[in-house]
Every structure is written in C-alpha cells, then in structure tokens.
C-alpha cells in the first residue's frame, strides 16, 4: 500500500529483504536504536499448561542459545545479509521493558 500511495512503511529487515526488489520503495532509515526489534523465546509453565511439550520447548531453547544454534541463526541470510543476530548474554541483561 505504501508503494501504491507513495507513502511510508515501517518493516523488519527480513520483510524488506524479501520484498524490496518488488516494491517501488527505498530504504530511508536503518540502524536507529529505536528500531531495535528483539526476538525471544519462553517456555510456558508446565504446571499451568500440562498438555504442552515442556521438554521439547526446553530442548529448543537450549539449541537456540547453544553455539551451534547461534551460528546457524547468524548463517541464515537473504541476498548475503544475515537477518538475525543472536544477542550476547551481556546484551540480554541490558534490555529493559
């Protein structure tokens, strides 16, 4: 719609990388700390939701935060650009709600 109406759109890097060649839009702003868009993962409480696969969730979290998982996340690229950058433990502690 932004392209059709000569407007603006706010999007994440992955969407931009996937669609920018098909859109009559240009990238105007990037890298601003106000655009930081962290992803996270949390296992649900198995006491409250006993039908969930808590062991599977914990295995997934362990893989995501392992060196192998972090390497594979960084290796995921579109047009040669990494779309996701795993945060360090130090950076995770710095995030405030």
N, C-alpha and C. Protein backbone atom coordinates (compact mmCIF):
# COMPACT_ATOMS: atom_id res chain seq x y z
N UNK A 1 0.83 -1.19 0.00
CA UNK A 1 0.00 0.00 0.00
C UNK A 1 0.88 1.25 0.00
N UNK A 2 1.98 1.20 0.76
CA UNK A 2 2.85 2.38 0.80
C UNK A 2 3.39 2.68 -0.59
N UNK A 3 3.73 1.65 -1.34
CA UNK A 3 4.23 1.85 -2.69
C UNK A 3 3.17 2.38 -3.63
N UNK A 4 1.96 1.89 -3.48
CA UNK A 4 0.86 2.33 -4.35
C UNK A 4 0.46 3.78 -4.10
N UNK A 5 0.52 4.20 -2.82
CA UNK A 5 0.06 5.53 -2.46
C UNK A 5 1.19 6.51 -2.17
N UNK A 6 2.41 6.14 -2.59
CA UNK A 6 3.58 7.00 -2.37
C UNK A 6 3.70 7.37 -0.89
N UNK A 7 3.59 6.35 -0.05
CA UNK A 7 3.62 6.58 1.40
C UNK A 7 4.86 5.97 2.03
N UNK A 8 4.78 5.76 3.32
CA UNK A 8 5.87 5.21 4.11
C UNK A 8 5.41 3.91 4.76
N UNK A 9 6.35 3.03 5.05
CA UNK A 9 6.05 1.79 5.74
C UNK A 9 7.18 1.50 6.72
N UNK A 10 6.83 0.96 7.85
CA UNK A 10 7.80 0.51 8.84
C UNK A 10 7.80 -1.01 8.79
N UNK A 11 8.96 -1.60 8.56
CA UNK A 11 9.02 -3.06 8.45
C UNK A 11 10.31 -3.59 9.04
N UNK A 12 10.36 -4.88 9.24
CA UNK A 12 11.56 -5.53 9.74
C UNK A 12 12.50 -5.84 8.58
N UNK A 13 13.74 -6.14 8.91
CA UNK A 13 14.77 -6.39 7.90
C UNK A 13 14.41 -7.58 7.00
N UNK A 14 13.89 -8.65 7.57
CA UNK A 14 13.56 -9.83 6.78
C UNK A 14 12.51 -9.55 5.73
N UNK A 15 11.48 -8.83 6.09
CA UNK A 15 10.43 -8.49 5.13
C UNK A 15 10.99 -7.59 4.04
N UNK A 16 11.81 -6.62 4.43
CA UNK A 16 12.41 -5.72 3.45
C UNK A 16 13.27 -6.51 2.47
N UNK A 17 14.12 -7.41 2.99
CA UNK A 17 15.00 -8.18 2.12
C UNK A 17 14.19 -9.06 1.16
N UNK A 18 13.09 -9.61 1.64
CA UNK A 18 12.28 -10.49 0.80
C UNK A 18 11.52 -9.73 -0.29
N UNK A 19 11.15 -8.48 -0.02
CA UNK A 19 10.23 -7.78 -0.93
C UNK A 19 10.78 -6.54 -1.63
N UNK A 20 11.94 -6.03 -1.22
CA UNK A 20 12.36 -4.72 -1.72
C UNK A 20 12.53 -4.65 -3.24
N UNK A 21 12.87 -5.74 -3.87
CA UNK A 21 13.03 -5.71 -5.33
C UNK A 21 11.69 -5.63 -6.07
N UNK A 22 10.63 -5.97 -5.37
CA UNK A 22 9.30 -5.97 -5.99
C UNK A 22 8.53 -4.69 -5.69
N UNK A 23 9.08 -3.82 -4.86
CA UNK A 23 8.36 -2.64 -4.41
C UNK A 23 8.99 -1.35 -4.92
N UNK A 24 8.18 -0.34 -5.20
CA UNK A 24 8.71 0.96 -5.62
C UNK A 24 9.04 1.83 -4.39
N UNK A 25 9.79 1.25 -3.46
CA UNK A 25 10.13 1.95 -2.21
C UNK A 25 11.63 1.96 -2.04
N UNK A 26 12.13 2.90 -1.25
CA UNK A 26 13.55 2.93 -0.92
C UNK A 26 13.70 2.94 0.60
N UNK A 27 14.82 2.44 1.05
CA UNK A 27 15.13 2.40 2.48
C UNK A 27 15.59 3.78 2.92
N UNK A 28 14.89 4.36 3.89
CA UNK A 28 15.21 5.71 4.34
C UNK A 28 15.95 5.74 5.67
N UNK A 29 15.59 4.84 6.57
CA UNK A 29 16.19 4.85 7.91
C UNK A 29 16.49 3.41 8.31
N UNK A 30 17.67 3.21 8.87
CA UNK A 30 18.02 1.91 9.42
C UNK A 30 19.06 2.10 10.51
N UNK A 31 19.13 1.14 11.43
CA UNK A 31 20.15 1.17 12.46
C UNK A 31 19.83 2.03 13.67
N UNK A 32 18.74 2.75 13.67
CA UNK A 32 18.38 3.58 14.82
C UNK A 32 18.01 2.67 15.99
N UNK A 33 18.50 2.97 17.17
CA UNK A 33 18.23 2.15 18.35
C UNK A 33 16.73 2.03 18.62
N UNK A 34 15.96 3.03 18.20
CA UNK A 34 14.50 2.98 18.41
C UNK A 34 13.83 1.93 17.53
N UNK A 35 14.56 1.43 16.54
CA UNK A 35 14.02 0.40 15.66
C UNK A 35 14.44 -1.01 16.09
N UNK A 36 15.16 -1.12 17.19
CA UNK A 36 15.62 -2.42 17.69
C UNK A 36 14.41 -3.32 17.91
N UNK A 37 14.46 -4.51 17.36
CA UNK A 37 13.31 -5.42 17.37
C UNK A 37 13.77 -6.81 17.83
N UNK A 38 13.98 -6.98 19.14
CA UNK A 38 14.49 -8.28 19.61
C UNK A 38 13.42 -9.36 19.57
N UNK A 39 13.88 -10.56 19.30
CA UNK A 39 13.03 -11.74 19.38
C UNK A 39 13.40 -12.49 20.64
N UNK A 40 12.48 -13.23 21.20
CA UNK A 40 12.77 -14.02 22.38
C UNK A 40 12.00 -15.32 22.36
N UNK A 41 12.34 -16.18 23.28
CA UNK A 41 11.65 -17.46 23.40
C UNK A 41 11.47 -17.77 24.89
N UNK A 42 10.28 -18.20 25.24
CA UNK A 42 9.96 -18.52 26.63
C UNK A 42 9.13 -19.79 26.64
N UNK A 43 9.51 -20.74 27.45
CA UNK A 43 8.70 -21.95 27.62
C UNK A 43 7.54 -21.63 28.56
N UNK A 44 6.36 -22.15 28.24
CA UNK A 44 5.22 -21.92 29.12
C UNK A 44 5.35 -22.79 30.37
N UNK A 45 4.69 -22.39 31.40
CA UNK A 45 4.72 -23.08 32.69
C UNK A 45 3.99 -24.43 32.55
N UNK A 46 4.70 -25.55 32.72
CA UNK A 46 4.05 -26.86 32.57
C UNK A 46 3.04 -27.15 33.68
N UNK A 47 3.17 -26.50 34.82
CA UNK A 47 2.19 -26.69 35.90
C UNK A 47 0.86 -26.05 35.51
N UNK A 48 0.94 -24.95 34.79
CA UNK A 48 -0.28 -24.26 34.37
C UNK A 48 -0.86 -24.83 33.06
N UNK A 49 0.02 -25.31 32.21
CA UNK A 49 -0.39 -25.86 30.91
C UNK A 49 0.22 -27.25 30.76
N UNK A 50 -0.33 -28.24 31.43
CA UNK A 50 0.27 -29.57 31.47
C UNK A 50 0.28 -30.31 30.13
N UNK A 51 -0.53 -29.90 29.18
CA UNK A 51 -0.59 -30.59 27.90
C UNK A 51 0.47 -30.11 26.91
N UNK A 52 1.30 -29.16 27.30
CA UNK A 52 2.33 -28.68 26.40
C UNK A 52 3.55 -29.59 26.45
N UNK A 53 4.37 -29.50 25.45
CA UNK A 53 5.59 -30.28 25.38
C UNK A 53 6.73 -29.46 26.00
N UNK A 54 6.77 -29.42 27.30
CA UNK A 54 7.76 -28.61 28.01
C UNK A 54 9.18 -29.09 27.73
N UNK A 55 9.38 -30.39 27.71
CA UNK A 55 10.73 -30.92 27.44
C UNK A 55 11.18 -30.50 26.04
N UNK A 56 10.28 -30.56 25.07
CA UNK A 56 10.61 -30.12 23.72
C UNK A 56 10.92 -28.64 23.66
N UNK A 57 10.15 -27.84 24.40
CA UNK A 57 10.39 -26.40 24.44
C UNK A 57 11.76 -26.11 25.03
N UNK A 58 12.11 -26.80 26.09
CA UNK A 58 13.41 -26.58 26.73
C UNK A 58 14.55 -27.03 25.82
N UNK A 59 14.33 -28.12 25.07
CA UNK A 59 15.35 -28.58 24.13
C UNK A 59 15.54 -27.53 23.02
N UNK A 60 14.44 -26.95 22.56
CA UNK A 60 14.50 -25.92 21.53
C UNK A 60 15.25 -24.68 22.05
N UNK A 61 14.93 -24.27 23.26
CA UNK A 61 15.61 -23.12 23.86
C UNK A 61 17.10 -23.40 24.02
N UNK A 62 17.42 -24.61 24.45
CA UNK A 62 18.83 -24.98 24.61
C UNK A 62 19.56 -24.92 23.27
N UNK A 63 18.90 -25.41 22.21
CA UNK A 63 19.53 -25.37 20.89
C UNK A 63 19.70 -23.92 20.42
N UNK A 64 18.65 -23.08 20.57
CA UNK A 64 18.73 -21.69 20.13
C UNK A 64 19.89 -20.95 20.78
N UNK A 65 20.13 -21.23 22.03
CA UNK A 65 21.15 -20.50 22.78
C UNK A 65 22.52 -21.18 22.76
N UNK A 66 22.60 -22.34 22.15
CA UNK A 66 23.89 -23.06 22.05
C UNK A 66 24.76 -22.41 20.99
N UNK A 67 26.06 -22.67 21.05
CA UNK A 67 26.94 -22.14 19.99
C UNK A 67 26.50 -22.59 18.60
N UNK A 68 26.08 -23.84 18.43
CA UNK A 68 25.63 -24.32 17.11
C UNK A 68 24.38 -23.58 16.66
N UNK A 69 23.42 -23.43 17.54
CA UNK A 69 22.19 -22.72 17.20
C UNK A 69 22.46 -21.27 16.85
N UNK A 70 23.29 -20.61 17.64
CA UNK A 70 23.61 -19.21 17.38
C UNK A 70 24.34 -19.05 16.05
N UNK A 71 25.22 -20.01 15.72
CA UNK A 71 25.92 -19.98 14.45
C UNK A 71 24.95 -20.15 13.29
N UNK A 72 24.00 -21.07 13.43
CA UNK A 72 23.04 -21.29 12.35
C UNK A 72 22.08 -20.12 12.19
N UNK A 73 21.73 -19.48 13.28
CA UNK A 73 20.88 -18.28 13.20
C UNK A 73 21.61 -17.18 12.44
N UNK A 74 22.87 -16.96 12.77
CA UNK A 74 23.67 -15.94 12.09
C UNK A 74 23.89 -16.29 10.62
N UNK A 75 23.99 -17.57 10.31
CA UNK A 75 24.26 -18.02 8.94
C UNK A 75 23.05 -17.88 8.03
N UNK A 76 21.84 -17.68 8.59
CA UNK A 76 20.65 -17.53 7.76
C UNK A 76 20.71 -16.17 7.09
N UNK A 77 20.81 -16.19 5.76
CA UNK A 77 20.99 -14.94 5.02
C UNK A 77 20.03 -14.86 3.85
N UNK A 78 19.68 -13.64 3.50
CA UNK A 78 18.94 -13.34 2.28
C UNK A 78 19.77 -12.31 1.53
N UNK A 79 20.07 -12.59 0.28
CA UNK A 79 20.92 -11.72 -0.53
C UNK A 79 22.25 -11.45 0.16
N UNK A 80 22.79 -12.45 0.85
CA UNK A 80 24.08 -12.32 1.51
C UNK A 80 24.07 -11.56 2.81
N UNK A 81 22.91 -11.16 3.28
CA UNK A 81 22.82 -10.39 4.53
C UNK A 81 22.19 -11.23 5.64
N UNK A 82 22.86 -11.31 6.79
CA UNK A 82 22.29 -12.00 7.94
C UNK A 82 21.08 -11.22 8.41
N UNK A 83 19.98 -11.93 8.62
CA UNK A 83 18.76 -11.25 9.05
C UNK A 83 18.62 -11.22 10.56
N UNK A 84 19.28 -12.15 11.23
CA UNK A 84 19.16 -12.24 12.68
C UNK A 84 20.55 -12.30 13.29
N UNK A 85 20.73 -11.58 14.37
CA UNK A 85 22.00 -11.56 15.09
C UNK A 85 21.72 -11.94 16.53
N UNK A 86 22.18 -13.11 16.95
CA UNK A 86 21.93 -13.51 18.33
C UNK A 86 22.56 -12.53 19.31
N UNK A 87 21.81 -12.22 20.35
CA UNK A 87 22.34 -11.31 21.37
C UNK A 87 23.30 -12.06 22.27
N UNK A 88 24.28 -11.37 22.77
CA UNK A 88 25.17 -11.94 23.76
C UNK A 88 24.47 -11.93 25.11
N UNK A 89 24.95 -12.74 26.04
CA UNK A 89 24.37 -12.75 27.38
C UNK A 89 24.46 -11.36 28.00
N UNK A 90 25.54 -10.66 27.72
CA UNK A 90 25.71 -9.31 28.26
C UNK A 90 24.62 -8.37 27.72
N UNK A 91 24.36 -8.45 26.43
CA UNK A 91 23.34 -7.59 25.82
C UNK A 91 21.94 -7.96 26.33
N UNK A 92 21.69 -9.25 26.53
CA UNK A 92 20.38 -9.67 27.02
C UNK A 92 20.08 -9.05 28.37
N UNK A 93 21.09 -8.93 29.21
CA UNK A 93 20.90 -8.34 30.53
C UNK A 93 20.64 -6.86 30.48
N UNK A 94 20.98 -6.23 29.35
CA UNK A 94 20.84 -4.77 29.23
C UNK A 94 19.46 -4.36 28.75
N UNK A 95 18.66 -5.30 28.28
CA UNK A 95 17.34 -4.97 27.75
C UNK A 95 16.39 -4.69 28.90
N UNK A 96 15.68 -3.59 28.79
CA UNK A 96 14.67 -3.27 29.81
C UNK A 96 13.32 -3.17 29.13
N UNK A 97 12.28 -3.55 29.85
CA UNK A 97 10.94 -3.49 29.24
C UNK A 97 10.47 -2.07 29.01
